[in-house]
């Protein structure tokens, strides 16, 4: 796990930024001990392309083993799946003993990531503060922006595997996110130079 936007000498503050605090090549690369030292008590994982490959009907065995080790270490109070997926996610949550948070309706509106109401709901259900929570995901707009805006620690995980969902190809999602991340890094460097 590499430090990107977070300076260890500063406290995490809420900022509407696409710049993650840390980056990881995959879930295996996350330094859970470093997150624990920062005071993180709750881990929020995005599911699709963070923990599983597109169109896969189960989590990879290596991911299940790793997250069960994290759960059994008692470093963190909870490990949760936070997904915009509206299907039943038991087949993914049960093997890792994770709590699941999914979109919900408020009136006629569907509330999901990166909406602050979604993250307020998650934090309220966990009875915790944003600075004690880490949002780990592969989407800059939903996971990183949403987590940063709330004041959570954020870890950007590069997508799993070489394939993508058809709608991501159609909307050029990865290309747009790559450009957004480059712009956020450049803006961060300019701020550091001042």
N, C-alpha and C. Protein backbone atom coordinates (compact mmCIF):
# COMPACT_ATOMS: atom_id res chain seq x y z
N UNK A 1 0.86 -1.17 0.00
CA UNK A 1 0.00 0.00 0.00
C UNK A 1 0.90 1.23 0.00
N UNK A 2 0.61 2.13 -0.89
CA UNK A 2 1.40 3.35 -1.00
C UNK A 2 0.61 4.55 -0.50
N UNK A 3 1.32 5.45 0.19
CA UNK A 3 0.70 6.70 0.63
C UNK A 3 0.59 7.60 -0.58
N UNK A 4 -0.59 8.16 -0.78
CA UNK A 4 -0.75 9.08 -1.90
C UNK A 4 -1.17 10.46 -1.40
N UNK A 5 -2.36 10.58 -0.87
CA UNK A 5 -2.85 11.89 -0.48
C UNK A 5 -2.76 12.17 1.00
N UNK A 6 -2.49 11.16 1.79
CA UNK A 6 -2.51 11.37 3.23
C UNK A 6 -1.10 11.53 3.77
N UNK A 7 -0.85 12.59 4.48
CA UNK A 7 0.44 12.81 5.13
C UNK A 7 0.29 12.31 6.56
N UNK A 8 1.16 11.43 7.00
CA UNK A 8 1.02 10.81 8.32
C UNK A 8 1.12 11.80 9.47
N UNK A 9 1.62 13.00 9.18
CA UNK A 9 1.75 14.00 10.25
C UNK A 9 0.48 14.83 10.42
N UNK A 10 -0.51 14.62 9.58
CA UNK A 10 -1.74 15.41 9.62
C UNK A 10 -2.93 14.52 9.94
N UNK A 11 -3.95 15.12 10.54
CA UNK A 11 -5.20 14.41 10.80
C UNK A 11 -6.04 14.37 9.52
N UNK A 12 -6.84 13.32 9.41
CA UNK A 12 -7.73 13.21 8.26
C UNK A 12 -8.87 14.22 8.41
N UNK A 13 -9.11 15.01 7.37
CA UNK A 13 -10.23 15.94 7.38
C UNK A 13 -11.10 15.66 6.16
N UNK A 14 -12.36 16.01 6.27
CA UNK A 14 -13.28 15.83 5.14
C UNK A 14 -12.92 16.82 4.04
N UNK A 15 -12.80 16.32 2.83
CA UNK A 15 -12.56 17.19 1.69
C UNK A 15 -13.16 16.54 0.45
N UNK A 16 -13.84 17.31 -0.38
CA UNK A 16 -14.43 16.74 -1.59
C UNK A 16 -13.36 16.53 -2.66
N UNK A 17 -12.61 15.47 -2.54
CA UNK A 17 -11.47 15.24 -3.42
C UNK A 17 -11.52 13.82 -3.98
N UNK A 18 -10.99 13.68 -5.18
CA UNK A 18 -10.87 12.36 -5.80
C UNK A 18 -9.53 11.71 -5.47
N UNK A 19 -8.71 12.38 -4.69
CA UNK A 19 -7.39 11.86 -4.35
C UNK A 19 -7.50 10.90 -3.16
N UNK A 20 -7.18 9.63 -3.36
CA UNK A 20 -7.23 8.68 -2.24
C UNK A 20 -6.07 8.92 -1.27
N UNK A 21 -6.27 8.51 -0.03
CA UNK A 21 -5.19 8.60 0.94
C UNK A 21 -4.09 7.59 0.62
N UNK A 22 -4.50 6.41 0.17
CA UNK A 22 -3.56 5.33 -0.13
C UNK A 22 -3.98 4.64 -1.42
N UNK A 23 -3.04 3.99 -2.08
CA UNK A 23 -3.36 3.15 -3.23
C UNK A 23 -2.82 1.76 -2.97
N UNK A 24 -3.48 0.77 -3.57
CA UNK A 24 -3.05 -0.62 -3.45
C UNK A 24 -3.26 -1.30 -4.80
N UNK A 25 -2.37 -2.19 -5.15
CA UNK A 25 -2.51 -2.89 -6.42
C UNK A 25 -3.65 -3.90 -6.37
N UNK A 26 -3.92 -4.44 -5.19
CA UNK A 26 -5.05 -5.33 -4.96
C UNK A 26 -5.30 -5.39 -3.45
N UNK A 27 -6.26 -6.18 -3.03
CA UNK A 27 -6.61 -6.25 -1.61
C UNK A 27 -5.45 -6.83 -0.79
N UNK A 28 -4.68 -7.74 -1.38
CA UNK A 28 -3.54 -8.34 -0.67
C UNK A 28 -2.48 -7.31 -0.32
N UNK A 29 -2.46 -6.21 -1.05
CA UNK A 29 -1.44 -5.18 -0.89
C UNK A 29 -1.78 -4.17 0.21
N UNK A 30 -2.98 -4.24 0.78
CA UNK A 30 -3.39 -3.27 1.80
C UNK A 30 -2.64 -3.54 3.11
N UNK A 31 -2.11 -2.48 3.69
CA UNK A 31 -1.39 -2.59 4.96
C UNK A 31 -2.39 -2.34 6.10
N UNK A 32 -3.00 -3.42 6.58
CA UNK A 32 -4.03 -3.30 7.61
C UNK A 32 -3.45 -2.80 8.93
N UNK A 33 -2.19 -3.12 9.20
CA UNK A 33 -1.55 -2.63 10.44
C UNK A 33 -1.42 -1.11 10.41
N UNK A 34 -1.10 -0.55 9.25
CA UNK A 34 -0.98 0.90 9.14
C UNK A 34 -2.35 1.56 9.35
N UNK A 35 -3.40 0.96 8.81
CA UNK A 35 -4.74 1.50 9.02
C UNK A 35 -5.11 1.45 10.50
N UNK A 36 -4.74 0.36 11.17
CA UNK A 36 -5.03 0.24 12.60
C UNK A 36 -4.29 1.32 13.39
N UNK A 37 -3.03 1.59 13.03
CA UNK A 37 -2.25 2.62 13.72
C UNK A 37 -2.86 4.01 13.54
N UNK A 38 -3.58 4.22 12.44
CA UNK A 38 -4.23 5.51 12.19
C UNK A 38 -5.54 5.63 12.97
N UNK A 39 -5.92 4.58 13.68
CA UNK A 39 -7.15 4.63 14.47
C UNK A 39 -8.37 4.07 13.78
N UNK A 40 -8.18 3.42 12.64
CA UNK A 40 -9.30 2.84 11.91
C UNK A 40 -9.84 1.64 12.68
N UNK A 41 -11.16 1.63 12.89
CA UNK A 41 -11.82 0.53 13.59
C UNK A 41 -12.77 -0.25 12.70
N UNK A 42 -13.20 0.36 11.58
CA UNK A 42 -14.17 -0.28 10.70
C UNK A 42 -13.67 -0.22 9.26
N UNK A 43 -13.74 -1.35 8.57
CA UNK A 43 -13.32 -1.43 7.17
C UNK A 43 -14.55 -1.58 6.30
N UNK A 44 -14.71 -0.68 5.34
CA UNK A 44 -15.80 -0.74 4.38
C UNK A 44 -15.23 -1.11 3.02
N UNK A 45 -15.59 -2.27 2.51
CA UNK A 45 -15.09 -2.74 1.22
C UNK A 45 -16.17 -2.64 0.16
N UNK A 46 -15.81 -2.08 -0.98
CA UNK A 46 -16.65 -2.20 -2.16
C UNK A 46 -16.53 -3.65 -2.63
N UNK A 47 -17.55 -4.18 -3.25
CA UNK A 47 -17.52 -5.58 -3.68
C UNK A 47 -16.99 -5.74 -5.11
N UNK A 48 -17.71 -5.17 -6.07
CA UNK A 48 -17.40 -5.41 -7.47
C UNK A 48 -16.08 -4.80 -7.88
N UNK A 49 -15.19 -5.63 -8.36
CA UNK A 49 -13.86 -5.32 -8.86
C UNK A 49 -12.88 -4.88 -7.78
N UNK A 50 -13.32 -4.80 -6.55
CA UNK A 50 -12.40 -4.61 -5.44
C UNK A 50 -12.10 -5.97 -4.84
N UNK A 51 -13.15 -6.71 -4.52
CA UNK A 51 -12.99 -8.05 -3.94
C UNK A 51 -13.22 -9.17 -4.95
N UNK A 52 -14.03 -8.93 -5.94
CA UNK A 52 -14.33 -9.99 -6.91
C UNK A 52 -14.23 -9.47 -8.33
N UNK A 53 -14.00 -10.41 -9.24
CA UNK A 53 -13.95 -10.07 -10.66
C UNK A 53 -15.36 -9.89 -11.21
N UNK A 54 -15.51 -9.12 -12.28
CA UNK A 54 -16.83 -8.97 -12.89
C UNK A 54 -17.41 -10.33 -13.29
N UNK A 55 -18.71 -10.47 -13.09
CA UNK A 55 -19.48 -11.65 -13.47
C UNK A 55 -19.15 -12.90 -12.66
N UNK A 56 -18.29 -12.79 -11.65
CA UNK A 56 -17.95 -13.93 -10.80
C UNK A 56 -19.06 -14.14 -9.78
N UNK A 57 -19.38 -15.40 -9.50
CA UNK A 57 -20.45 -15.71 -8.58
C UNK A 57 -19.96 -16.00 -7.16
N UNK A 58 -18.64 -15.84 -6.96
CA UNK A 58 -18.09 -16.03 -5.61
C UNK A 58 -16.80 -15.24 -5.47
N UNK A 59 -16.38 -15.06 -4.23
CA UNK A 59 -15.11 -14.38 -3.96
C UNK A 59 -13.96 -15.35 -4.21
N UNK A 60 -12.82 -14.85 -4.67
CA UNK A 60 -11.65 -15.72 -4.83
C UNK A 60 -11.23 -16.28 -3.46
N UNK A 61 -10.72 -17.49 -3.47
CA UNK A 61 -10.31 -18.15 -2.23
C UNK A 61 -9.27 -17.33 -1.47
N UNK A 62 -8.32 -16.71 -2.18
CA UNK A 62 -7.27 -15.91 -1.53
C UNK A 62 -7.88 -14.71 -0.80
N UNK A 63 -8.91 -14.10 -1.36
CA UNK A 63 -9.56 -12.95 -0.73
C UNK A 63 -10.30 -13.41 0.53
N UNK A 64 -10.99 -14.54 0.44
CA UNK A 64 -11.71 -15.08 1.60
C UNK A 64 -10.72 -15.37 2.73
N UNK A 65 -9.62 -16.02 2.41
CA UNK A 65 -8.59 -16.35 3.42
C UNK A 65 -8.04 -15.08 4.06
N UNK A 66 -7.68 -14.09 3.25
CA UNK A 66 -7.11 -12.85 3.77
C UNK A 66 -8.10 -12.13 4.69
N UNK A 67 -9.33 -11.97 4.25
CA UNK A 67 -10.30 -11.22 5.05
C UNK A 67 -10.72 -11.98 6.31
N UNK A 68 -10.71 -13.29 6.26
CA UNK A 68 -10.96 -14.06 7.48
C UNK A 68 -9.81 -13.90 8.47
N UNK A 69 -8.58 -13.81 7.98
CA UNK A 69 -7.44 -13.55 8.86
C UNK A 69 -7.56 -12.17 9.50
N UNK A 70 -7.98 -11.17 8.71
CA UNK A 70 -8.17 -9.82 9.23
C UNK A 70 -9.27 -9.84 10.29
N UNK A 71 -10.37 -10.52 10.01
CA UNK A 71 -11.47 -10.62 10.99
C UNK A 71 -11.01 -11.30 12.27
N UNK A 72 -10.28 -12.39 12.13
CA UNK A 72 -9.85 -13.17 13.29
C UNK A 72 -8.75 -12.48 14.10
N UNK A 73 -8.07 -11.51 13.52
CA UNK A 73 -7.00 -10.81 14.23
C UNK A 73 -7.56 -9.85 15.28
N UNK A 74 -8.83 -9.53 15.18
CA UNK A 74 -9.48 -8.58 16.10
C UNK A 74 -8.84 -7.19 16.07
N UNK A 75 -8.20 -6.84 14.96
CA UNK A 75 -7.65 -5.49 14.80
C UNK A 75 -8.76 -4.47 14.62
N UNK A 76 -9.87 -4.90 14.01
CA UNK A 76 -10.95 -4.00 13.65
C UNK A 76 -12.26 -4.51 14.24
N UNK A 77 -13.15 -3.57 14.53
CA UNK A 77 -14.44 -3.93 15.11
C UNK A 77 -15.38 -4.56 14.08
N UNK A 78 -15.26 -4.12 12.82
CA UNK A 78 -16.13 -4.69 11.80
C UNK A 78 -15.50 -4.63 10.42
N UNK A 79 -15.95 -5.54 9.60
CA UNK A 79 -15.58 -5.61 8.20
C UNK A 79 -16.91 -5.64 7.45
N UNK A 80 -17.13 -4.69 6.55
CA UNK A 80 -18.43 -4.55 5.90
C UNK A 80 -18.28 -4.48 4.38
N UNK A 81 -19.31 -4.94 3.69
CA UNK A 81 -19.43 -4.74 2.25
C UNK A 81 -20.38 -3.57 2.05
N UNK A 82 -19.94 -2.57 1.32
CA UNK A 82 -20.80 -1.44 0.95
C UNK A 82 -20.86 -1.43 -0.57
N UNK A 83 -22.01 -1.74 -1.10
CA UNK A 83 -22.13 -1.94 -2.54
C UNK A 83 -23.34 -1.22 -3.09
N UNK A 84 -23.22 -0.74 -4.32
CA UNK A 84 -24.37 -0.19 -5.03
C UNK A 84 -25.16 -1.30 -5.72
N UNK A 85 -24.67 -2.52 -5.64
CA UNK A 85 -25.35 -3.69 -6.18
C UNK A 85 -26.61 -3.94 -5.34
N UNK A 86 -27.74 -4.15 -5.99
CA UNK A 86 -28.99 -4.33 -5.27
C UNK A 86 -29.43 -5.79 -5.15
N UNK A 87 -28.61 -6.70 -5.62
CA UNK A 87 -28.94 -8.12 -5.51
C UNK A 87 -28.60 -8.64 -4.13
N UNK A 88 -29.06 -9.83 -3.83
CA UNK A 88 -28.74 -10.48 -2.56
C UNK A 88 -27.24 -10.81 -2.55
N UNK A 89 -26.51 -10.32 -1.57
CA UNK A 89 -25.06 -10.49 -1.52
C UNK A 89 -24.60 -11.48 -0.46
N UNK A 90 -25.50 -12.32 0.02
CA UNK A 90 -25.13 -13.28 1.07
C UNK A 90 -24.00 -14.21 0.66
N UNK A 91 -23.98 -14.62 -0.59
CA UNK A 91 -22.93 -15.54 -1.04
C UNK A 91 -21.54 -14.92 -0.95
N UNK A 92 -21.48 -13.58 -0.90
CA UNK A 92 -20.20 -12.88 -0.76
C UNK A 92 -19.91 -12.51 0.69
N UNK A 93 -20.94 -12.16 1.43
CA UNK A 93 -20.73 -11.69 2.80
C UNK A 93 -20.52 -12.83 3.80
N UNK A 94 -21.23 -13.92 3.64
CA UNK A 94 -21.14 -15.01 4.62
C UNK A 94 -19.75 -15.64 4.72
N UNK A 95 -19.04 -15.90 3.61
CA UNK A 95 -17.71 -16.51 3.75
C UNK A 95 -16.69 -15.64 4.49
N UNK A 96 -16.93 -14.32 4.52
CA UNK A 96 -15.98 -13.43 5.20
C UNK A 96 -16.60 -12.81 6.46
N UNK A 97 -17.78 -13.26 6.83
CA UNK A 97 -18.47 -12.77 8.02
C UNK A 97 -18.58 -11.25 8.02
N UNK A 98 -19.08 -10.71 6.91
CA UNK A 98 -19.17 -9.26 6.74
C UNK A 98 -20.62 -8.80 6.80
N UNK A 99 -20.79 -7.61 7.32
CA UNK A 99 -22.09 -6.97 7.31
C UNK A 99 -22.26 -6.29 5.95
N UNK A 100 -23.49 -6.26 5.42
CA UNK A 100 -23.73 -5.71 4.08
C UNK A 100 -24.57 -4.44 4.16
N UNK A 101 -24.12 -3.41 3.42
CA UNK A 101 -24.88 -2.17 3.28
C UNK A 101 -25.11 -1.94 1.79
N UNK A 102 -26.38 -1.76 1.42
CA UNK A 102 -26.75 -1.59 0.03
C UNK A 102 -27.65 -0.36 -0.11
N UNK A 103 -27.91 0.07 -1.37
CA UNK A 103 -28.78 1.23 -1.58
C UNK A 103 -30.15 1.05 -0.92
N UNK A 104 -30.73 2.18 -0.52
CA UNK A 104 -32.05 2.17 0.08
C UNK A 104 -32.85 3.34 -0.46
N UNK A 105 -34.14 3.27 -0.29
CA UNK A 105 -35.01 4.33 -0.79
C UNK A 105 -35.37 5.31 0.32
N UNK A 106 -35.36 6.57 -0.04
CA UNK A 106 -35.85 7.63 0.84
C UNK A 106 -36.85 8.40 0.00
N UNK A 107 -38.12 8.14 0.26
CA UNK A 107 -39.15 8.67 -0.62
C UNK A 107 -39.02 7.99 -1.98
N UNK A 108 -38.94 8.78 -3.03
CA UNK A 108 -38.77 8.22 -4.37
C UNK A 108 -37.31 8.10 -4.79
N UNK A 109 -36.41 8.64 -3.97
CA UNK A 109 -34.98 8.66 -4.32
C UNK A 109 -34.28 7.38 -3.88
N UNK A 110 -33.40 6.87 -4.71
CA UNK A 110 -32.55 5.75 -4.36
C UNK A 110 -31.25 6.33 -3.79
N UNK A 111 -30.93 6.00 -2.56
CA UNK A 111 -29.75 6.54 -1.89
C UNK A 111 -28.65 5.49 -1.97
N UNK A 112 -27.52 5.87 -2.59
CA UNK A 112 -26.39 4.95 -2.77
C UNK A 112 -25.09 5.74 -2.79
N UNK A 113 -23.96 5.02 -2.85
CA UNK A 113 -22.67 5.71 -2.91
C UNK A 113 -22.63 6.58 -4.16
N UNK A 114 -22.07 7.76 -4.12
CA UNK A 114 -21.34 8.46 -3.06
C UNK A 114 -22.19 9.41 -2.23
N UNK A 115 -23.50 9.28 -2.26
CA UNK A 115 -24.39 10.17 -1.52
C UNK A 115 -24.04 10.17 -0.03
N UNK A 116 -23.87 11.35 0.57
CA UNK A 116 -23.55 11.41 2.00
C UNK A 116 -24.60 10.74 2.88
N UNK A 117 -25.86 10.74 2.44
CA UNK A 117 -26.91 10.07 3.22
C UNK A 117 -26.64 8.57 3.34
N UNK A 118 -26.07 7.97 2.29
CA UNK A 118 -25.73 6.55 2.33
C UNK A 118 -24.65 6.31 3.38
N UNK A 119 -23.60 7.13 3.35
CA UNK A 119 -22.51 6.95 4.31
C UNK A 119 -22.95 7.32 5.73
N UNK A 120 -23.83 8.30 5.87
CA UNK A 120 -24.39 8.61 7.20
C UNK A 120 -25.12 7.40 7.76
N UNK A 121 -25.89 6.74 6.91
CA UNK A 121 -26.61 5.54 7.32
C UNK A 121 -25.64 4.44 7.78
N UNK A 122 -24.59 4.23 7.01
CA UNK A 122 -23.59 3.19 7.35
C UNK A 122 -22.91 3.54 8.68
N UNK A 123 -22.45 4.77 8.82
CA UNK A 123 -21.77 5.19 10.05
C UNK A 123 -22.71 5.11 11.26
N UNK A 124 -23.97 5.49 11.06
CA UNK A 124 -24.94 5.40 12.14
C UNK A 124 -25.20 3.96 12.56
N UNK A 125 -25.31 3.07 11.59
CA UNK A 125 -25.55 1.66 11.90
C UNK A 125 -24.35 1.05 12.63
N UNK A 126 -23.14 1.50 12.29
CA UNK A 126 -21.93 1.00 12.95
C UNK A 126 -21.64 1.75 14.25
N UNK A 127 -22.36 2.82 14.50
CA UNK A 127 -22.16 3.67 15.67
C UNK A 127 -20.69 4.11 15.78
N UNK A 128 -20.22 4.73 14.72
CA UNK A 128 -18.83 5.16 14.67
C UNK A 128 -18.71 6.52 14.01
N UNK A 129 -17.49 7.04 14.00
CA UNK A 129 -17.16 8.32 13.39
C UNK A 129 -16.40 8.08 12.08
N UNK A 130 -16.47 9.03 11.14
CA UNK A 130 -15.76 8.85 9.86
C UNK A 130 -14.26 8.63 10.02
N UNK A 131 -13.62 9.33 10.97
CA UNK A 131 -12.17 9.21 11.12
C UNK A 131 -11.74 7.86 11.69
N UNK A 132 -12.70 7.03 12.07
CA UNK A 132 -12.40 5.67 12.56
C UNK A 132 -12.78 4.62 11.52
N UNK A 133 -12.97 5.09 10.28
CA UNK A 133 -13.48 4.22 9.22
C UNK A 133 -12.61 4.36 7.97
N UNK A 134 -12.42 3.25 7.27
CA UNK A 134 -11.69 3.27 6.00
C UNK A 134 -12.59 2.75 4.90
N UNK A 135 -12.72 3.51 3.82
CA UNK A 135 -13.47 3.08 2.63
C UNK A 135 -12.46 2.56 1.62
N UNK A 136 -12.62 1.30 1.22
CA UNK A 136 -11.68 0.63 0.32
C UNK A 136 -12.43 0.25 -0.94
N UNK A 137 -12.02 0.79 -2.08
CA UNK A 137 -12.74 0.49 -3.30
C UNK A 137 -11.98 0.83 -4.56
N UNK A 138 -12.57 0.47 -5.70
CA UNK A 138 -11.91 0.65 -6.99
C UNK A 138 -12.51 1.80 -7.80
N UNK A 139 -13.50 2.49 -7.25
CA UNK A 139 -14.16 3.57 -7.99
C UNK A 139 -13.84 4.92 -7.35
N UNK A 140 -13.26 5.80 -8.16
CA UNK A 140 -12.94 7.14 -7.65
C UNK A 140 -14.19 7.92 -7.31
N UNK A 141 -15.21 7.84 -8.15
CA UNK A 141 -16.40 8.67 -7.95
C UNK A 141 -17.27 8.14 -6.82
N UNK A 142 -17.46 6.86 -6.72
CA UNK A 142 -18.36 6.31 -5.70
C UNK A 142 -17.65 6.08 -4.38
N UNK A 143 -16.49 5.43 -4.41
CA UNK A 143 -15.82 5.01 -3.19
C UNK A 143 -14.90 6.08 -2.61
N UNK A 144 -13.97 6.57 -3.41
CA UNK A 144 -12.96 7.51 -2.92
C UNK A 144 -13.57 8.89 -2.66
N UNK A 145 -14.28 9.43 -3.62
CA UNK A 145 -14.92 10.74 -3.44
C UNK A 145 -15.90 10.71 -2.28
N UNK A 146 -16.73 9.67 -2.22
CA UNK A 146 -17.71 9.56 -1.14
C UNK A 146 -17.05 9.44 0.22
N UNK A 147 -16.01 8.63 0.32
CA UNK A 147 -15.29 8.47 1.59
C UNK A 147 -14.57 9.74 2.01
N UNK A 148 -13.90 10.39 1.06
CA UNK A 148 -13.19 11.63 1.37
C UNK A 148 -14.14 12.72 1.83
N UNK A 149 -15.27 12.83 1.15
CA UNK A 149 -16.24 13.87 1.49
C UNK A 149 -16.77 13.70 2.92
N UNK A 150 -16.79 12.45 3.41
CA UNK A 150 -17.26 12.18 4.76
C UNK A 150 -16.15 12.33 5.80
N UNK A 151 -14.88 12.32 5.35
CA UNK A 151 -13.76 12.39 6.29
C UNK A 151 -13.21 11.03 6.65
N UNK A 152 -13.54 10.01 5.87
CA UNK A 152 -13.01 8.66 6.09
C UNK A 152 -11.62 8.54 5.46
N UNK A 153 -10.86 7.57 5.91
CA UNK A 153 -9.64 7.21 5.21
C UNK A 153 -10.06 6.47 3.95
N UNK A 154 -9.32 6.67 2.86
CA UNK A 154 -9.69 6.01 1.60
C UNK A 154 -8.50 5.26 1.02
N UNK A 155 -8.79 4.07 0.50
CA UNK A 155 -7.79 3.24 -0.17
C UNK A 155 -8.32 2.91 -1.56
N UNK A 156 -7.60 3.33 -2.57
CA UNK A 156 -7.98 3.06 -3.95
C UNK A 156 -7.32 1.77 -4.40
N UNK A 157 -8.14 0.78 -4.74
CA UNK A 157 -7.64 -0.52 -5.18
C UNK A 157 -7.84 -0.62 -6.68
N UNK A 158 -6.77 -0.97 -7.39
CA UNK A 158 -6.89 -1.11 -8.84
C UNK A 158 -7.80 -2.30 -9.14
N UNK A 159 -8.53 -2.21 -10.23
CA UNK A 159 -9.54 -3.23 -10.53
C UNK A 159 -8.95 -4.62 -10.66
N UNK A 160 -9.76 -5.62 -10.29
CA UNK A 160 -9.35 -7.03 -10.35
C UNK A 160 -9.57 -7.56 -11.76
N UNK A 161 -8.53 -8.14 -12.33
CA UNK A 161 -8.68 -8.81 -13.62
C UNK A 161 -8.66 -7.86 -14.80
N UNK A 162 -8.64 -8.44 -15.99
CA UNK A 162 -8.50 -7.67 -17.21
C UNK A 162 -9.83 -7.33 -17.85
N UNK A 163 -10.94 -7.88 -17.33
CA UNK A 163 -12.22 -7.60 -17.95
C UNK A 163 -12.97 -6.55 -17.14
N UNK A 164 -13.96 -5.97 -17.77
CA UNK A 164 -14.76 -4.93 -17.12
C UNK A 164 -16.22 -5.20 -17.46
N UNK A 165 -17.12 -4.54 -16.77
CA UNK A 165 -18.52 -4.66 -17.11
C UNK A 165 -18.79 -3.96 -18.43
N UNK A 166 -19.80 -4.42 -19.17
CA UNK A 166 -20.10 -3.85 -20.50
C UNK A 166 -20.40 -2.36 -20.41
N UNK A 167 -21.10 -1.94 -19.35
CA UNK A 167 -21.46 -0.52 -19.24
C UNK A 167 -20.23 0.34 -18.94
N UNK A 168 -19.20 -0.24 -18.28
CA UNK A 168 -17.97 0.52 -18.05
C UNK A 168 -17.23 0.75 -19.36
N UNK A 169 -17.26 -0.23 -20.25
CA UNK A 169 -16.64 -0.06 -21.56
C UNK A 169 -17.39 1.01 -22.35
N UNK A 170 -18.71 0.90 -22.32
CA UNK A 170 -19.54 1.82 -23.08
C UNK A 170 -19.38 3.26 -22.61
N UNK A 171 -19.30 3.46 -21.30
CA UNK A 171 -19.19 4.80 -20.73
C UNK A 171 -17.74 5.28 -20.55
N UNK A 172 -16.78 4.48 -20.97
CA UNK A 172 -15.36 4.80 -20.84
C UNK A 172 -15.00 5.14 -19.40
N UNK A 173 -15.57 4.39 -18.46
CA UNK A 173 -15.41 4.68 -17.04
C UNK A 173 -13.95 4.67 -16.61
N UNK A 174 -13.22 3.65 -16.97
CA UNK A 174 -11.82 3.54 -16.51
C UNK A 174 -10.95 4.65 -17.10
N UNK A 175 -11.19 4.99 -18.32
CA UNK A 175 -10.43 6.08 -18.94
C UNK A 175 -10.70 7.40 -18.23
N UNK A 176 -11.97 7.67 -17.92
CA UNK A 176 -12.33 8.91 -17.21
C UNK A 176 -11.75 8.92 -15.80
N UNK A 177 -11.78 7.76 -15.11
CA UNK A 177 -11.23 7.70 -13.75
C UNK A 177 -9.72 7.88 -13.75
N UNK A 178 -9.05 7.33 -14.75
CA UNK A 178 -7.59 7.49 -14.85
C UNK A 178 -7.24 8.97 -15.02
N UNK A 179 -8.00 9.66 -15.86
CA UNK A 179 -7.77 11.10 -16.06
C UNK A 179 -8.08 11.89 -14.79
N UNK A 180 -9.16 11.53 -14.11
CA UNK A 180 -9.53 12.20 -12.86
C UNK A 180 -8.45 12.02 -11.80
N UNK A 181 -7.92 10.80 -11.67
CA UNK A 181 -6.87 10.53 -10.69
C UNK A 181 -5.60 11.33 -11.03
N UNK A 182 -5.23 11.37 -12.30
CA UNK A 182 -4.05 12.15 -12.71
C UNK A 182 -4.21 13.62 -12.36
N UNK A 183 -5.41 14.16 -12.59
CA UNK A 183 -5.67 15.57 -12.25
C UNK A 183 -5.61 15.79 -10.74
N UNK A 184 -6.14 14.84 -9.97
CA UNK A 184 -6.12 14.98 -8.50
C UNK A 184 -4.69 14.92 -7.98
N UNK A 185 -3.86 14.05 -8.55
CA UNK A 185 -2.45 13.95 -8.14
C UNK A 185 -1.72 15.25 -8.48
N UNK A 186 -1.95 15.78 -9.68
CA UNK A 186 -1.30 17.03 -10.08
C UNK A 186 -1.72 18.18 -9.17
N UNK A 187 -3.00 18.25 -8.84
CA UNK A 187 -3.48 19.30 -7.93
C UNK A 187 -2.85 19.16 -6.55
N UNK A 188 -2.70 17.93 -6.07
CA UNK A 188 -2.08 17.68 -4.77
C UNK A 188 -0.61 18.12 -4.77
N UNK A 189 0.09 17.84 -5.86
CA UNK A 189 1.50 18.24 -5.96
C UNK A 189 1.64 19.77 -5.95
N UNK A 190 0.72 20.44 -6.63
CA UNK A 190 0.76 21.90 -6.65
C UNK A 190 0.55 22.47 -5.25
N UNK A 191 -0.39 21.87 -4.49
CA UNK A 191 -0.63 22.32 -3.12
C UNK A 191 0.58 22.11 -2.23
N UNK A 192 1.27 20.97 -2.42
CA UNK A 192 2.46 20.68 -1.59
C UNK A 192 3.60 21.63 -1.87
N UNK A 193 3.69 22.13 -3.12
CA UNK A 193 4.77 23.02 -3.50
C UNK A 193 4.58 24.43 -2.95
N UNK A 194 3.35 24.79 -2.59
CA UNK A 194 3.09 26.15 -2.10
C UNK A 194 3.59 26.33 -0.69
